[in-house]
Amino acid sequence: MSIFVRSLLFNVGFYLSLIIHILLALPAFFLPRRVLFALARSWARSTNWMLLVLCNVRVEFRGLHNLSQGPLIVASKHQSAWETIGFLPLLREPMYILKRELTWIPFFGWFLLKAKMIPVNRGAGARTLTRMTEIARRRIREAEGRQLIIFPEGTRRPVGAEPRYKFGVAQVYVDCGVPCVPVALNSGLFWPRRRFLRYPGTLIVEFLEVIPPGLSRDDFLLKVQDEIETATTRLITEGRDAQAQFGMSPPVDTGAAAPPSD
């Protein structure tokens, strides 16, 4: 079966699964938040299952011992749509920092608000950073101690692109005063941004050594970028070497604008 056919089946299955889970979640809107997260984890697991069965993409997690279920910041490299849902099965009730436009989507956006995700207005400048850190600090220190997932570059970046880390992740780290787990990955090799095709191989997600609270903003930003980028380069090399053995690799993403398909 060709990569195109496999990718077509996956994309159909992915959105069909999303619709089914949204319908199942309608009653959960009036139930405790944990019910909604149980359905979200089911959607994420079904996505990984379809990646494996339909596209021959295996998801491998490394360094899971670095995760905890208490107050925590998870700062992840962002190459693909995969990581927007891929962490859900690993954490109890994680929060994502996401663009506010997603909350405008009927039903889906309502569930994001129900789950207490943190929407931000990217065009509001310093006001966005202030509000984001205030909300994150309050919720991450709630009695249940939720985990915050943040993408330090703010948006998906092509594989191999020059890193563009934003100051916001450092501000959140300092203001919240909790440990941070950097995350490296190579998801862009298998689920490229703005691409229809899904490429076979092993999508690796590596949770790196915990950065304890107490660093200055500048020191933290330098450290988290260095650790994520160093490990991500290693994982990309590993993934490309494996693809080369099968005589294939995904096209290079130049970063040029294209209609998103994910």
Protein backbone atom coordinates (compact mmCIF):
# COMPACT_ATOMS: atom_id res chain seq x y z
CA MET A 1 0.00 0.00 0.00
CA SER A 2 1.43 3.38 -1.00
CA ILE A 3 2.27 6.17 1.44
CA PHE A 4 -0.45 8.30 -0.14
CA VAL A 5 -3.17 5.69 0.45
CA ARG A 6 -1.96 5.04 4.00
CA SER A 7 -1.94 8.78 4.70
CA LEU A 8 -5.41 9.19 3.22
CA LEU A 9 -6.79 6.43 5.44
CA PHE A 10 -5.09 7.93 8.46
CA ASN A 11 -6.41 11.44 7.88
CA VAL A 12 -9.94 10.16 7.38
CA GLY A 13 -9.65 8.04 10.51
CA PHE A 14 -8.10 10.86 12.51
CA TYR A 15 -10.93 13.31 11.88
CA LEU A 16 -13.59 10.61 12.18
CA SER A 17 -12.17 9.67 15.58
CA LEU A 18 -12.17 13.35 16.58
CA ILE A 19 -15.84 13.73 15.62
CA ILE A 20 -16.81 10.56 17.48
CA HIS A 21 -14.98 11.65 20.62
CA ILE A 22 -16.54 15.12 20.46
CA LEU A 23 -20.01 13.55 20.28
CA LEU A 24 -19.19 11.24 23.18
CA ALA A 25 -17.89 14.22 25.14
CA LEU A 26 -21.08 16.27 24.86
CA PRO A 27 -22.53 14.87 28.12
CA ALA A 28 -19.08 15.24 29.71
CA PHE A 29 -19.38 19.00 29.36
CA PHE A 30 -21.71 18.86 32.37
CA LEU A 31 -19.63 16.31 34.28
CA PRO A 32 -16.37 16.61 36.23
CA ARG A 33 -13.31 17.60 34.20
CA ARG A 34 -11.68 14.20 34.64
CA VAL A 35 -14.34 12.61 32.40
CA LEU A 36 -13.42 14.96 29.58
CA PHE A 37 -9.74 14.16 29.98
CA ALA A 38 -10.48 10.42 29.88
CA LEU A 39 -12.06 10.91 26.45
CA ALA A 40 -9.18 13.12 25.33
CA ARG A 41 -6.71 10.39 26.29
CA SER A 42 -8.80 7.90 24.32
CA TRP A 43 -8.60 10.15 21.24
CA ALA A 44 -4.83 10.47 21.61
CA ARG A 45 -4.38 6.70 21.98
CA SER A 46 -6.55 6.06 18.93
CA THR A 47 -4.36 8.49 16.96
CA ASN A 48 -1.18 6.64 17.94
CA TRP A 49 -2.84 3.32 17.11
CA MET A 50 -3.83 4.53 13.63
CA LEU A 51 -0.33 5.90 13.06
CA LEU A 52 1.07 2.45 13.79
CA VAL A 53 -1.49 0.34 11.93
CA LEU A 54 -2.13 2.58 8.92
CA CYS A 55 1.14 4.49 8.50
CA ASN A 56 3.70 2.21 10.16
CA VAL A 57 4.71 5.01 12.53
CA ARG A 58 5.68 3.71 15.95
CA VAL A 59 5.74 6.17 18.86
CA GLU A 60 8.57 5.64 21.35
CA PHE A 61 8.77 7.49 24.67
CA ARG A 62 12.09 7.85 26.45
CA GLY A 63 12.85 9.29 29.87
CA LEU A 64 9.34 8.85 31.26
CA HIS A 65 10.85 8.62 34.74
CA ASN A 66 11.50 12.38 34.51
CA LEU A 67 7.76 13.10 34.44
CA SER A 68 5.81 13.60 37.63
CA GLN A 69 2.10 14.05 38.29
CA GLY A 70 2.63 17.07 40.53
CA PRO A 71 3.12 20.74 39.58
CA LEU A 72 5.36 20.75 36.52
CA ILE A 73 6.20 22.62 33.33
CA VAL A 74 6.72 20.49 30.23
CA ALA A 75 8.63 22.56 27.64
CA SER A 76 8.53 20.75 24.31
CA LYS A 77 10.01 21.13 20.87
CA HIS A 78 7.18 21.71 18.39
CA GLN A 79 7.54 20.27 14.86
CA SER A 80 4.18 18.67 14.23
CA ALA A 81 0.51 18.54 15.14
CA TRP A 82 1.29 15.28 16.94
CA GLU A 83 2.59 16.90 20.13
CA THR A 84 -0.60 18.94 20.55
CA ILE A 85 -2.31 15.71 21.63
CA GLY A 86 0.52 13.23 22.13
CA PHE A 87 1.20 14.07 25.78
CA LEU A 88 -2.41 13.59 26.92
CA PRO A 89 -2.11 9.88 27.85
CA LEU A 90 0.99 10.54 29.95
CA LEU A 91 -0.29 13.21 32.34
CA ARG A 92 -3.39 13.36 34.51
CA GLU A 93 -4.95 16.70 33.52
CA PRO A 94 -2.34 18.70 31.59
CA MET A 95 -2.87 22.29 30.49
CA TYR A 96 -1.77 23.58 27.11
CA ILE A 97 -0.95 27.18 26.24
CA LEU A 98 -2.63 27.64 22.86
CA LYS A 99 -3.75 30.36 20.47
CA ARG A 100 -7.15 31.71 21.42
CA GLU A 101 -8.58 31.17 17.92
CA LEU A 102 -8.81 27.44 18.70
CA THR A 103 -11.38 28.19 21.41
CA TRP A 104 -13.65 29.76 18.78
CA ILE A 105 -14.21 26.39 17.06
CA PRO A 106 -17.71 25.13 17.92
CA PHE A 107 -17.75 22.24 20.38
CA PHE A 108 -13.98 21.61 20.17
CA GLY A 109 -13.21 25.09 21.49
CA TRP A 110 -15.82 24.77 24.21
CA PHE A 111 -14.12 21.62 25.45
CA LEU A 112 -10.77 23.43 25.52
CA LEU A 113 -12.30 26.02 27.84
CA LYS A 114 -13.95 23.32 29.95
CA ALA A 115 -10.54 21.67 30.32
CA LYS A 116 -9.10 25.02 31.48
CA MET A 117 -6.51 25.35 28.75
CA ILE A 118 -4.80 28.74 28.53
CA PRO A 119 -5.70 30.66 25.35
CA VAL A 120 -3.46 33.57 24.36
CA ASN A 121 -3.82 36.45 21.94
CA ARG A 122 -0.58 36.44 19.98
CA GLY A 123 -1.11 40.01 18.83
CA ALA A 124 -1.41 41.55 22.29
CA GLY A 125 2.34 41.68 23.02
CA ALA A 126 3.40 42.18 26.64
CA ARG A 127 -0.19 42.02 27.85
CA THR A 128 -0.42 38.44 26.58
CA LEU A 129 2.71 37.41 28.49
CA THR A 130 1.48 39.01 31.72
CA ARG A 131 -1.95 37.40 31.53
CA MET A 132 -0.52 34.02 30.47
CA THR A 133 1.89 33.86 33.41
CA GLU A 134 -0.78 34.94 35.88
CA ILE A 135 -3.17 32.22 34.77
CA ALA A 136 -0.42 29.59 34.62
CA ARG A 137 0.85 30.46 38.10
CA ARG A 138 -2.64 30.27 39.60
CA ARG A 139 -3.63 27.00 37.99
CA ILE A 140 -0.34 25.17 38.32
CA ARG A 141 -0.45 25.85 42.05
CA GLU A 142 -4.00 24.62 42.51
CA ALA A 143 -4.58 21.87 45.03
CA GLU A 144 -4.50 19.18 42.32
CA GLY A 145 -1.15 20.49 40.99
CA ARG A 146 -1.67 20.35 37.23
CA GLN A 147 1.11 20.15 34.65
CA LEU A 148 1.61 22.90 32.07
CA ILE A 149 2.63 22.03 28.50
CA ILE A 150 4.26 24.90 26.62
CA PHE A 151 6.00 25.13 23.27
CA PRO A 152 8.89 27.59 23.81
CA GLU A 153 9.04 28.59 20.13
CA GLY A 154 5.33 29.37 20.12
CA THR A 155 4.53 27.56 16.87
CA ARG A 156 5.57 24.57 14.79
CA ARG A 157 9.03 24.84 13.28
CA PRO A 158 10.40 22.84 10.32
CA VAL A 159 12.84 20.04 11.00
CA GLY A 160 16.34 21.50 11.12
CA ALA A 161 15.17 25.12 11.20
CA GLU A 162 17.05 27.67 13.28
CA PRO A 163 15.48 27.72 16.77
CA ARG A 164 13.40 30.73 17.78
CA TYR A 165 12.74 30.42 21.51
CA LYS A 166 10.44 33.01 23.05
CA PHE A 167 11.03 34.78 26.35
CA GLY A 168 7.59 33.69 27.60
CA VAL A 169 8.67 30.20 28.65
CA ALA A 170 11.35 31.68 30.92
CA GLN A 171 8.87 34.10 32.46
CA VAL A 172 6.42 31.28 33.17
CA TYR A 173 9.21 29.18 34.72
CA VAL A 174 10.33 31.98 37.05
CA ASP A 175 6.83 33.06 38.05
CA CYS A 176 5.50 29.55 38.68
CA GLY A 177 8.54 28.37 40.65
CA VAL A 178 8.14 24.69 39.71
CA PRO A 179 10.41 22.17 37.97
CA CYS A 180 10.60 22.04 34.17
CA VAL A 181 11.05 18.97 31.97
CA PRO A 182 12.51 19.80 28.52
CA VAL A 183 11.26 17.58 25.69
CA ALA A 184 13.09 16.73 22.48
CA LEU A 185 11.48 14.90 19.55
CA ASN A 186 11.65 14.14 15.84
CA SER A 187 7.92 14.14 15.01
CA GLY A 188 8.41 16.40 11.99
CA LEU A 189 10.08 13.56 10.09
CA PHE A 190 6.92 11.45 10.21
CA TRP A 191 4.05 13.92 10.57
CA PRO A 192 5.43 17.04 8.85
CA ARG A 193 3.71 20.35 9.43
CA ARG A 194 1.36 21.47 6.65
CA ARG A 195 1.72 18.12 4.90
CA PHE A 196 -0.87 15.52 4.00
CA LEU A 197 1.52 12.56 3.96
CA ARG A 198 2.61 10.54 6.98
CA TYR A 199 5.97 8.79 6.69
CA PRO A 200 6.89 5.43 8.30
CA GLY A 201 9.46 5.16 11.04
CA THR A 202 9.85 5.64 14.79
CA LEU A 203 8.61 8.91 16.22
CA ILE A 204 10.77 9.42 19.31
CA VAL A 205 9.84 11.66 22.22
CA GLU A 206 12.51 12.10 24.89
CA PHE A 207 11.79 13.67 28.27
CA LEU A 208 15.09 15.14 29.40
CA GLU A 209 16.51 15.68 32.86
CA VAL A 210 14.41 17.89 35.11
CA ILE A 211 15.47 21.52 35.48
CA PRO A 212 14.77 22.49 39.09
CA PRO A 213 13.27 25.90 39.95
CA GLY A 214 15.53 28.76 40.96
CA LEU A 215 17.40 29.74 37.81
CA SER A 216 17.23 33.27 36.46
CA ARG A 217 15.18 33.92 33.33
CA ASP A 218 18.24 34.28 31.11
CA ASP A 219 20.02 31.23 32.51
CA PHE A 220 16.91 29.10 32.18
CA LEU A 221 16.25 30.15 28.60
CA LEU A 222 19.81 29.33 27.58
CA LYS A 223 19.72 25.99 29.36
CA VAL A 224 16.34 24.80 28.11
CA GLN A 225 17.16 25.77 24.51
CA ASP A 226 20.56 24.09 24.58
CA GLU A 227 19.22 20.86 26.05
CA ILE A 228 16.20 20.62 23.75
CA GLU A 229 18.09 21.50 20.58
CA THR A 230 21.04 19.21 21.31
CA ALA A 231 18.79 16.23 21.98
CA THR A 232 16.46 17.03 19.07
CA THR A 233 19.40 17.12 16.63
CA ARG A 234 20.41 13.68 17.87
CA LEU A 235 16.88 12.28 17.47
CA ILE A 236 16.51 13.75 13.97
CA THR A 237 19.80 12.15 12.93
CA GLU A 238 18.63 8.84 14.37
CA GLY A 239 15.32 9.07 12.54
CA ARG A 240 16.88 10.05 9.21
CA ASP A 241 19.43 7.25 9.43
CA ALA A 242 16.62 4.75 9.93
CA GLN A 243 14.68 6.22 6.99
CA ALA A 244 17.77 6.07 4.77
CA GLN A 245 18.04 2.34 5.38
CA PHE A 246 14.66 1.98 3.67
CA GLY A 247 15.65 4.35 0.86
CA MET A 248 13.17 7.07 1.76
CA SER A 249 12.81 10.37 3.56
CA PRO A 250 10.12 13.08 3.76
CA PRO A 251 10.53 16.25 1.67
CA VAL A 252 12.43 19.13 3.21
CA ASP A 253 10.19 21.76 4.81
CA THR A 254 11.57 25.13 3.77
CA GLY A 255 9.24 27.02 6.07
CA ALA A 256 7.35 28.60 3.20
CA ALA A 257 3.69 29.28 3.76
CA ALA A 258 1.32 26.52 2.71
CA PRO A 259 -2.27 25.62 3.49
CA PRO A 260 -2.26 23.52 6.68
CA SER A 261 -3.50 19.96 6.32
CA ASP A 262 -3.20 19.05 9.98
